[in-house]
C-alpha cells in the first residue's frame, strides 16, 4: 500500500473526528481538498477559524450567538410567556423554518442517556429551572426527540418542572405528512391514535 504523506494523513484524521464522518468519507474529503484551488481551501480555513472566534452559545437560552445573547433572546417581537425546550441548536433552526412558533427557547445540548454517561448534570437542566423561577413563563413546550432518550428527558423535565406550577406540554407525535400507514411502525401508529383530534 502506498504511503500517504503526513500532512494529508493529518487532514484525514481531523476530518474523521467530525460526527458522521467515517474513514472513507474523511479520505474522500481530504483528496477533494487536495484537488481544490488554494484560495478555496484558505476561505474554508478562515471560515472555520472565524466561527470559533466569533460564535458562542447564548448566555440565556444556549442557542448560537455572536455576543452574550442570541437574536431570538434579544428580539422584542418574541412571546416570552412560551418557552420551547429542545435538545440541540439544530432543533431551534428546524422549528424556526416552520414559521409556526414565536416564543423563546432553551437548548439542553443533549438528552439523558445513562448508557453514554449523560445525566442531568451534563445538560442545561439546572439552568432551565433557574430561568423559569425568574422569568414570567406560562407554558413550557417539551420538544425533545421522539426516541428513547428524548422520551426519558421529557419525562424527567416534566417531573422537575411540576413544582413550579407552569403548564407543560409535549409536541404531538404521529404519522408524517405524506407517509403511508402500511410503512408506519407500531409505536408511531399507537401515538397517532392516542393523539388524534376532532376536525
Protein backbone atom coordinates (compact mmCIF):
# COMPACT_ATOMS: atom_id res chain seq x y z
CA UNK A 1 0.00 0.00 0.00
CA UNK A 2 1.27 3.47 -0.91
CA UNK A 3 2.36 5.63 1.98
CA UNK A 4 0.23 8.77 2.47
CA UNK A 5 2.22 11.96 3.23
CA UNK A 6 1.92 13.15 6.83
CA UNK A 7 0.06 16.43 6.07
CA UNK A 8 -2.68 14.55 4.18
CA UNK A 9 -2.87 11.91 6.92
CA UNK A 10 -3.42 14.68 9.48
CA UNK A 11 -6.25 16.14 7.40
CA UNK A 12 -7.88 12.67 7.19
CA UNK A 13 -7.51 12.16 10.93
CA UNK A 14 -9.02 15.57 11.77
CA UNK A 15 -11.93 15.16 9.35
CA UNK A 16 -12.51 11.66 10.75
CA UNK A 17 -13.11 13.18 14.20
CA UNK A 18 -16.22 15.00 12.90
CA UNK A 19 -19.59 13.38 13.69
CA UNK A 20 -20.96 11.26 10.85
CA UNK A 21 -17.61 11.19 9.00
CA UNK A 22 -16.14 7.71 8.74
CA UNK A 23 -12.65 6.83 7.48
CA UNK A 24 -13.73 6.50 3.81
CA UNK A 25 -15.58 9.84 3.80
CA UNK A 26 -12.62 11.51 5.55
CA UNK A 27 -10.35 10.10 2.85
CA UNK A 28 -12.64 11.34 0.00
CA UNK A 29 -12.93 14.81 1.57
CA UNK A 30 -9.17 15.01 2.06
CA UNK A 31 -8.50 14.24 -1.59
CA UNK A 32 -11.20 16.72 -2.62
CA UNK A 33 -9.43 19.40 -0.54
CA UNK A 34 -6.12 18.42 -2.16
CA UNK A 35 -7.61 18.96 -5.66
CA UNK A 36 -9.39 22.21 -4.72
CA UNK A 37 -7.71 25.53 -5.56
CA UNK A 38 -5.68 27.01 -2.73
CA UNK A 39 -7.91 30.11 -2.33
CA UNK A 40 -11.00 27.92 -1.76
CA UNK A 41 -9.19 25.94 0.94
CA UNK A 42 -7.96 29.16 2.54
CA UNK A 43 -11.55 30.52 2.58
CA UNK A 44 -12.71 27.32 4.29
CA UNK A 45 -9.88 27.51 6.85
CA UNK A 46 -10.60 31.20 7.52
CA UNK A 47 -14.33 30.48 7.96
CA UNK A 48 -13.56 27.73 10.50
CA UNK A 49 -11.21 29.98 12.48
CA UNK A 50 -13.75 32.84 12.30
CA UNK A 51 -16.64 30.73 13.58
CA UNK A 52 -14.57 29.62 16.58
CA UNK A 53 -13.51 33.20 17.29
CA UNK A 54 -16.91 34.88 16.93
CA UNK A 55 -19.69 32.36 17.61
CA UNK A 56 -20.59 31.08 21.08
CA UNK A 57 -23.65 29.84 22.95
CA UNK A 58 -26.20 32.36 24.24
CA UNK A 59 -25.91 33.03 27.98
CA UNK A 60 -29.69 32.88 28.32
CA UNK A 61 -31.01 30.05 26.12
CA UNK A 62 -27.78 28.33 24.93
CA UNK A 63 -28.60 28.73 21.22
CA UNK A 64 -25.88 30.14 18.95
CA UNK A 65 -24.94 33.81 19.32
CA UNK A 66 -22.34 36.34 18.20
CA UNK A 67 -22.48 38.15 21.55
CA UNK A 68 -23.67 37.26 25.02
CA UNK A 69 -27.27 36.77 23.84
CA UNK A 70 -28.73 35.38 20.62
CA UNK A 71 -31.00 37.22 18.19
CA UNK A 72 -34.08 35.35 19.47
CA UNK A 73 -33.49 36.32 23.10
CA UNK A 74 -32.80 39.93 22.06
CA UNK A 75 -35.93 40.20 19.92
CA UNK A 76 -38.77 42.31 21.33
CA UNK A 77 -41.20 40.55 18.99
CA UNK A 78 -40.96 37.12 20.62
CA UNK A 79 -43.62 35.89 23.06
CA UNK A 80 -41.63 35.46 26.28
CA UNK A 81 -44.52 33.67 28.00
CA UNK A 82 -43.94 30.49 25.96
CA UNK A 83 -40.64 28.61 26.18
CA UNK A 84 -39.76 25.65 23.96
CA UNK A 85 -37.17 23.20 25.28
CA UNK A 86 -35.11 21.41 22.62
CA UNK A 87 -32.14 19.08 22.66
CA UNK A 88 -29.80 20.78 20.17
CA UNK A 89 -29.31 24.15 18.42
CA UNK A 90 -30.24 22.48 15.11
CA UNK A 91 -33.70 21.80 16.59
CA UNK A 92 -34.21 25.56 17.03
CA UNK A 93 -33.33 26.08 13.39
CA UNK A 94 -35.79 23.37 12.29
CA UNK A 95 -38.64 24.88 14.35
CA UNK A 96 -37.83 28.40 13.12
CA UNK A 97 -38.09 27.21 9.50
CA UNK A 98 -41.76 26.30 10.08
CA UNK A 99 -42.70 29.88 10.97
CA UNK A 100 -45.30 28.44 13.39
CA UNK A 101 -43.64 29.31 16.69
CA UNK A 102 -42.96 32.78 18.07
CA UNK A 103 -41.87 32.07 21.63
CA UNK A 104 -38.42 31.70 23.16
CA UNK A 105 -36.20 28.62 23.52
CA UNK A 106 -33.98 26.71 25.90
CA UNK A 107 -31.37 24.35 24.41
CA UNK A 108 -30.35 21.41 26.60
CA UNK A 109 -27.33 20.38 24.48
CA UNK A 110 -28.24 16.71 24.53
CA UNK A 111 -30.64 14.21 26.02
CA UNK A 112 -30.47 11.94 29.04
CA UNK A 113 -28.59 8.76 28.19
CA UNK A 114 -27.22 6.82 31.19
CA UNK A 115 -25.54 4.32 28.83
CA UNK A 116 -23.47 7.16 27.37
CA UNK A 117 -22.86 8.72 30.79
CA UNK A 118 -25.16 11.69 30.11
CA UNK A 119 -27.13 12.55 33.23
CA UNK A 120 -28.96 15.73 34.28
CA UNK A 121 -25.66 17.38 35.27
CA UNK A 122 -24.34 17.20 31.70
CA UNK A 123 -27.37 19.03 30.28
CA UNK A 124 -28.63 22.59 30.76
CA UNK A 125 -31.45 21.44 33.07
CA UNK A 126 -30.41 23.35 36.22
CA UNK A 127 -30.16 26.49 34.09
CA UNK A 128 -33.68 25.85 32.76
CA UNK A 129 -35.19 25.51 36.23
CA UNK A 130 -33.34 28.61 37.43
CA UNK A 131 -34.53 30.56 34.39
CA UNK A 132 -38.16 29.52 34.90
CA UNK A 133 -38.02 30.69 38.51
CA UNK A 134 -37.06 34.22 37.46
CA UNK A 135 -38.89 34.67 34.12
CA UNK A 136 -42.67 35.07 33.63
CA UNK A 137 -43.16 31.92 31.52
CA UNK A 138 -46.69 30.50 31.47
CA UNK A 139 -46.10 27.45 29.23
CA UNK A 140 -43.15 25.16 28.59
CA UNK A 141 -43.23 23.06 25.42
CA UNK A 142 -41.03 19.96 25.62
CA UNK A 143 -39.80 19.38 22.07
CA UNK A 144 -37.41 16.51 22.73
CA UNK A 145 -36.80 13.90 20.03
CA UNK A 146 -39.36 11.05 19.90
CA UNK A 147 -36.75 8.40 20.72
CA UNK A 148 -35.95 6.61 23.99
CA UNK A 149 -33.52 9.28 25.21
CA UNK A 150 -35.87 12.11 24.23
CA UNK A 151 -38.82 10.48 25.96
CA UNK A 152 -36.77 9.91 29.13
CA UNK A 153 -35.62 13.53 29.03
CA UNK A 154 -39.17 14.84 28.58
CA UNK A 155 -40.49 12.75 31.49
CA UNK A 156 -37.61 13.87 33.73
CA UNK A 157 -38.15 17.53 32.80
CA UNK A 158 -41.89 17.29 33.43
CA UNK A 159 -41.14 15.96 36.94
CA UNK A 160 -38.60 18.72 37.61
CA UNK A 161 -40.95 21.45 36.38
CA UNK A 162 -44.10 20.21 38.14
CA UNK A 163 -43.34 22.04 41.45
CA UNK A 164 -43.07 25.34 39.54
CA UNK A 165 -46.75 25.14 38.56
CA UNK A 166 -46.08 26.07 34.93
CA UNK A 167 -48.22 24.46 32.23
CA UNK A 168 -46.07 21.87 30.46
CA UNK A 169 -46.93 20.38 27.07
CA UNK A 170 -45.27 17.93 24.69
CA UNK A 171 -45.12 18.11 20.92
CA UNK A 172 -47.65 15.78 19.26
CA UNK A 173 -46.39 12.51 17.80
CA UNK A 174 -47.84 10.60 14.91
CA UNK A 175 -47.74 9.93 11.21
CA UNK A 176 -45.59 12.12 8.97
CA UNK A 177 -47.31 14.10 6.25
CA UNK A 178 -47.05 12.12 3.02
CA UNK A 179 -46.39 8.87 4.87
CA UNK A 180 -48.28 5.63 4.29
CA UNK A 181 -49.95 3.64 7.08
CA UNK A 182 -48.56 0.33 5.89
CA UNK A 183 -44.98 1.56 6.43
CA UNK A 184 -45.54 3.10 9.87
CA UNK A 185 -44.18 1.23 12.89
CA UNK A 186 -46.46 0.17 15.74
CA UNK A 187 -45.31 2.89 18.16
CA UNK A 188 -45.89 5.66 15.62
CA UNK A 189 -49.37 4.31 14.83
CA UNK A 190 -50.21 3.96 18.53
CA UNK A 191 -49.18 7.58 19.15
CA UNK A 192 -51.16 8.75 16.13
CA UNK A 193 -54.30 7.09 17.56
CA UNK A 194 -53.81 8.39 21.09
CA UNK A 195 -53.06 11.90 19.82
CA UNK A 196 -55.99 12.08 17.39
CA UNK A 197 -58.15 15.21 17.35
CA UNK A 198 -61.52 16.32 16.01
CA UNK A 199 -61.98 18.15 12.71
